[in-house]
Amino acid sequence: MADPVVIEMANKLAEECLAVQNEVGDDRLFMQVGDVLGASSQTLEEAFLTAIRTRMANDAGRKFLAQRLKAHEDAQKAE
């Protein structure tokens, strides 16, 4: 397990990266950042990629749930 300081850095960088990624419209920017990190710290790279992927998975799960709820509500209105 990585040092808590590394995890904290990775989490902050992941949040910033996702914000920039959304702003510039490049959904693979995090891969480039990971490459930059990996050139000097594999530990930080791995923690960063984990932080990015878990956040992206969370966003996808929330989007899916919102879509299912909307479809359900639309079906209820149509009845």
C-alpha atoms as a PDB file:
ATOM      1  CA  MET A   1       0.000   0.000   0.000  1.00  0.00           C
ATOM      2  CA  ALA A   2       1.254   3.439  -0.874  1.00  0.00           C
ATOM      3  CA  ASP A   3       2.208   6.064   1.665  1.00  0.00           C
ATOM      4  CA  PRO A   4      -0.807   8.179   2.726  1.00  0.00           C
ATOM      5  CA  VAL A   5       0.960  11.288   1.410  1.00  0.00           C
ATOM      6  CA  VAL A   6       1.237   9.664  -2.020  1.00  0.00           C
ATOM      7  CA  ILE A   7      -2.460   8.771  -1.932  1.00  0.00           C
ATOM      8  CA  GLU A   8      -3.344  12.338  -0.987  1.00  0.00           C
ATOM      9  CA  MET A   9      -1.205  13.756  -3.812  1.00  0.00           C
ATOM     10  CA  ALA A  10      -2.713  11.301  -6.292  1.00  0.00           C
ATOM     11  CA  ASN A  11      -6.263  12.173  -5.212  1.00  0.00           C
ATOM     12  CA  LYS A  12      -5.659  15.915  -5.558  1.00  0.00           C
ATOM     13  CA  LEU A  13      -3.992  15.465  -8.936  1.00  0.00           C
ATOM     14  CA  ALA A  14      -6.844  13.233 -10.102  1.00  0.00           C
ATOM     15  CA  GLU A  15      -9.426  15.875  -9.187  1.00  0.00           C
ATOM     16  CA  GLU A  16      -7.451  18.564 -11.012  1.00  0.00           C
ATOM     17  CA  CYS A  17      -6.854  16.333 -14.009  1.00  0.00           C
ATOM     18  CA  LEU A  18     -10.535  15.480 -14.373  1.00  0.00           C
ATOM     19  CA  ALA A  19     -11.449  19.163 -14.201  1.00  0.00           C
ATOM     20  CA  VAL A  20      -8.935  20.034 -16.941  1.00  0.00           C
ATOM     21  CA  GLN A  21      -9.952  16.972 -18.931  1.00  0.00           C
ATOM     22  CA  ASN A  22     -13.587  18.126 -18.898  1.00  0.00           C
ATOM     23  CA  GLU A  23     -12.631  21.713 -19.728  1.00  0.00           C
ATOM     24  CA  VAL A  24     -10.478  20.831 -22.750  1.00  0.00           C
ATOM     25  CA  GLY A  25     -12.651  17.930 -23.922  1.00  0.00           C
ATOM     26  CA  ASP A  26      -9.874  15.326 -23.900  1.00  0.00           C
ATOM     27  CA  ASP A  27     -11.222  12.217 -22.169  1.00  0.00           C
ATOM     28  CA  ARG A  28      -7.824  10.490 -22.317  1.00  0.00           C
ATOM     29  CA  LEU A  29      -5.743  13.302 -20.829  1.00  0.00           C
ATOM     30  CA  PHE A  30      -5.307  11.255 -17.677  1.00  0.00           C
ATOM     31  CA  MET A  31      -3.288   8.696 -19.667  1.00  0.00           C
ATOM     32  CA  GLN A  32      -0.790  11.375 -20.680  1.00  0.00           C
ATOM     33  CA  VAL A  33      -0.521  12.593 -17.095  1.00  0.00           C
ATOM     34  CA  GLY A  34       0.037   8.996 -16.018  1.00  0.00           C
ATOM     35  CA  ASP A  35       2.893   8.686 -18.509  1.00  0.00           C
ATOM     36  CA  VAL A  36       4.508  11.845 -17.133  1.00  0.00           C
ATOM     37  CA  LEU A  37       4.198  10.529 -13.580  1.00  0.00           C
ATOM     38  CA  GLY A  38       5.477   7.081 -14.499  1.00  0.00           C
ATOM     39  CA  ALA A  39       8.685   8.561 -15.857  1.00  0.00           C
ATOM     40  CA  SER A  40       9.689   9.512 -12.336  1.00  0.00           C
ATOM     41  CA  SER A  41       7.460   7.644  -9.892  1.00  0.00           C
ATOM     42  CA  GLN A  42       5.676   4.414 -10.643  1.00  0.00           C
ATOM     43  CA  THR A  43       4.122   4.551  -7.179  1.00  0.00           C
ATOM     44  CA  LEU A  44       2.499   7.926  -7.802  1.00  0.00           C
ATOM     45  CA  GLU A  45       1.480   6.863 -11.301  1.00  0.00           C
ATOM     46  CA  GLU A  46      -0.348   3.794  -9.980  1.00  0.00           C
ATOM     47  CA  ALA A  47      -2.055   5.738  -7.182  1.00  0.00           C
ATOM     48  CA  PHE A  48      -3.091   8.459  -9.653  1.00  0.00           C
ATOM     49  CA  LEU A  49      -4.495   5.996 -12.189  1.00  0.00           C
ATOM     50  CA  THR A  50      -6.423   4.223  -9.447  1.00  0.00           C
ATOM     51  CA  ALA A  51      -7.843   7.543  -8.257  1.00  0.00           C
ATOM     52  CA  ILE A  52      -8.823   8.526 -11.818  1.00  0.00           C
ATOM     53  CA  ARG A  53     -10.406   5.184 -12.647  1.00  0.00           C
ATOM     54  CA  THR A  54     -12.439   4.994  -9.469  1.00  0.00           C
ATOM     55  CA  ARG A  55     -13.768   8.504 -10.015  1.00  0.00           C
ATOM     56  CA  MET A  56     -14.586   7.781 -13.647  1.00  0.00           C
ATOM     57  CA  ALA A  57     -16.323   4.545 -12.645  1.00  0.00           C
ATOM     58  CA  ASN A  58     -18.299   6.404  -9.989  1.00  0.00           C
ATOM     59  CA  ASP A  59     -19.380   9.014 -12.550  1.00  0.00           C
ATOM     60  CA  ALA A  60     -20.414   6.286 -15.008  1.00  0.00           C
ATOM     61  CA  GLY A  61     -22.407   4.488 -12.323  1.00  0.00           C
ATOM     62  CA  ARG A  62     -24.201   7.667 -11.292  1.00  0.00           C
ATOM     63  CA  LYS A  63     -24.969   8.519 -14.926  1.00  0.00           C
ATOM     64  CA  PHE A  64     -26.378   5.027 -15.471  1.00  0.00           C
ATOM     65  CA  LEU A  65     -28.593   5.288 -12.392  1.00  0.00           C
ATOM     66  CA  ALA A  66     -29.865   8.706 -13.450  1.00  0.00           C
ATOM     67  CA  GLN A  67     -30.724   7.359 -16.903  1.00  0.00           C
ATOM     68  CA  ARG A  68     -32.551   4.362 -15.447  1.00  0.00           C
ATOM     69  CA  LEU A  69     -34.514   6.562 -13.086  1.00  0.00           C
ATOM     70  CA  LYS A  70     -35.469   8.934 -15.911  1.00  0.00           C
ATOM     71  CA  ALA A  71     -36.571   6.020 -18.101  1.00  0.00           C
ATOM     72  CA  HIS A  72     -38.671   4.682 -15.231  1.00  0.00           C
ATOM     73  CA  GLU A  73     -40.243   8.079 -14.574  1.00  0.00           C
ATOM     74  CA  ASP A  74     -40.960   8.560 -18.288  1.00  0.00           C
ATOM     75  CA  ALA A  75     -42.617   5.131 -18.440  1.00  0.00           C
ATOM     76  CA  GLN A  76     -44.754   5.989 -15.395  1.00  0.00           C
ATOM     77  CA  LYS A  77     -45.918   9.227 -17.043  1.00  0.00           C
ATOM     78  CA  ALA A  78     -46.797   7.416 -20.256  1.00  0.00           C
ATOM     79  CA  GLU A  79     -49.161   5.034 -18.455  1.00  0.00           C
END
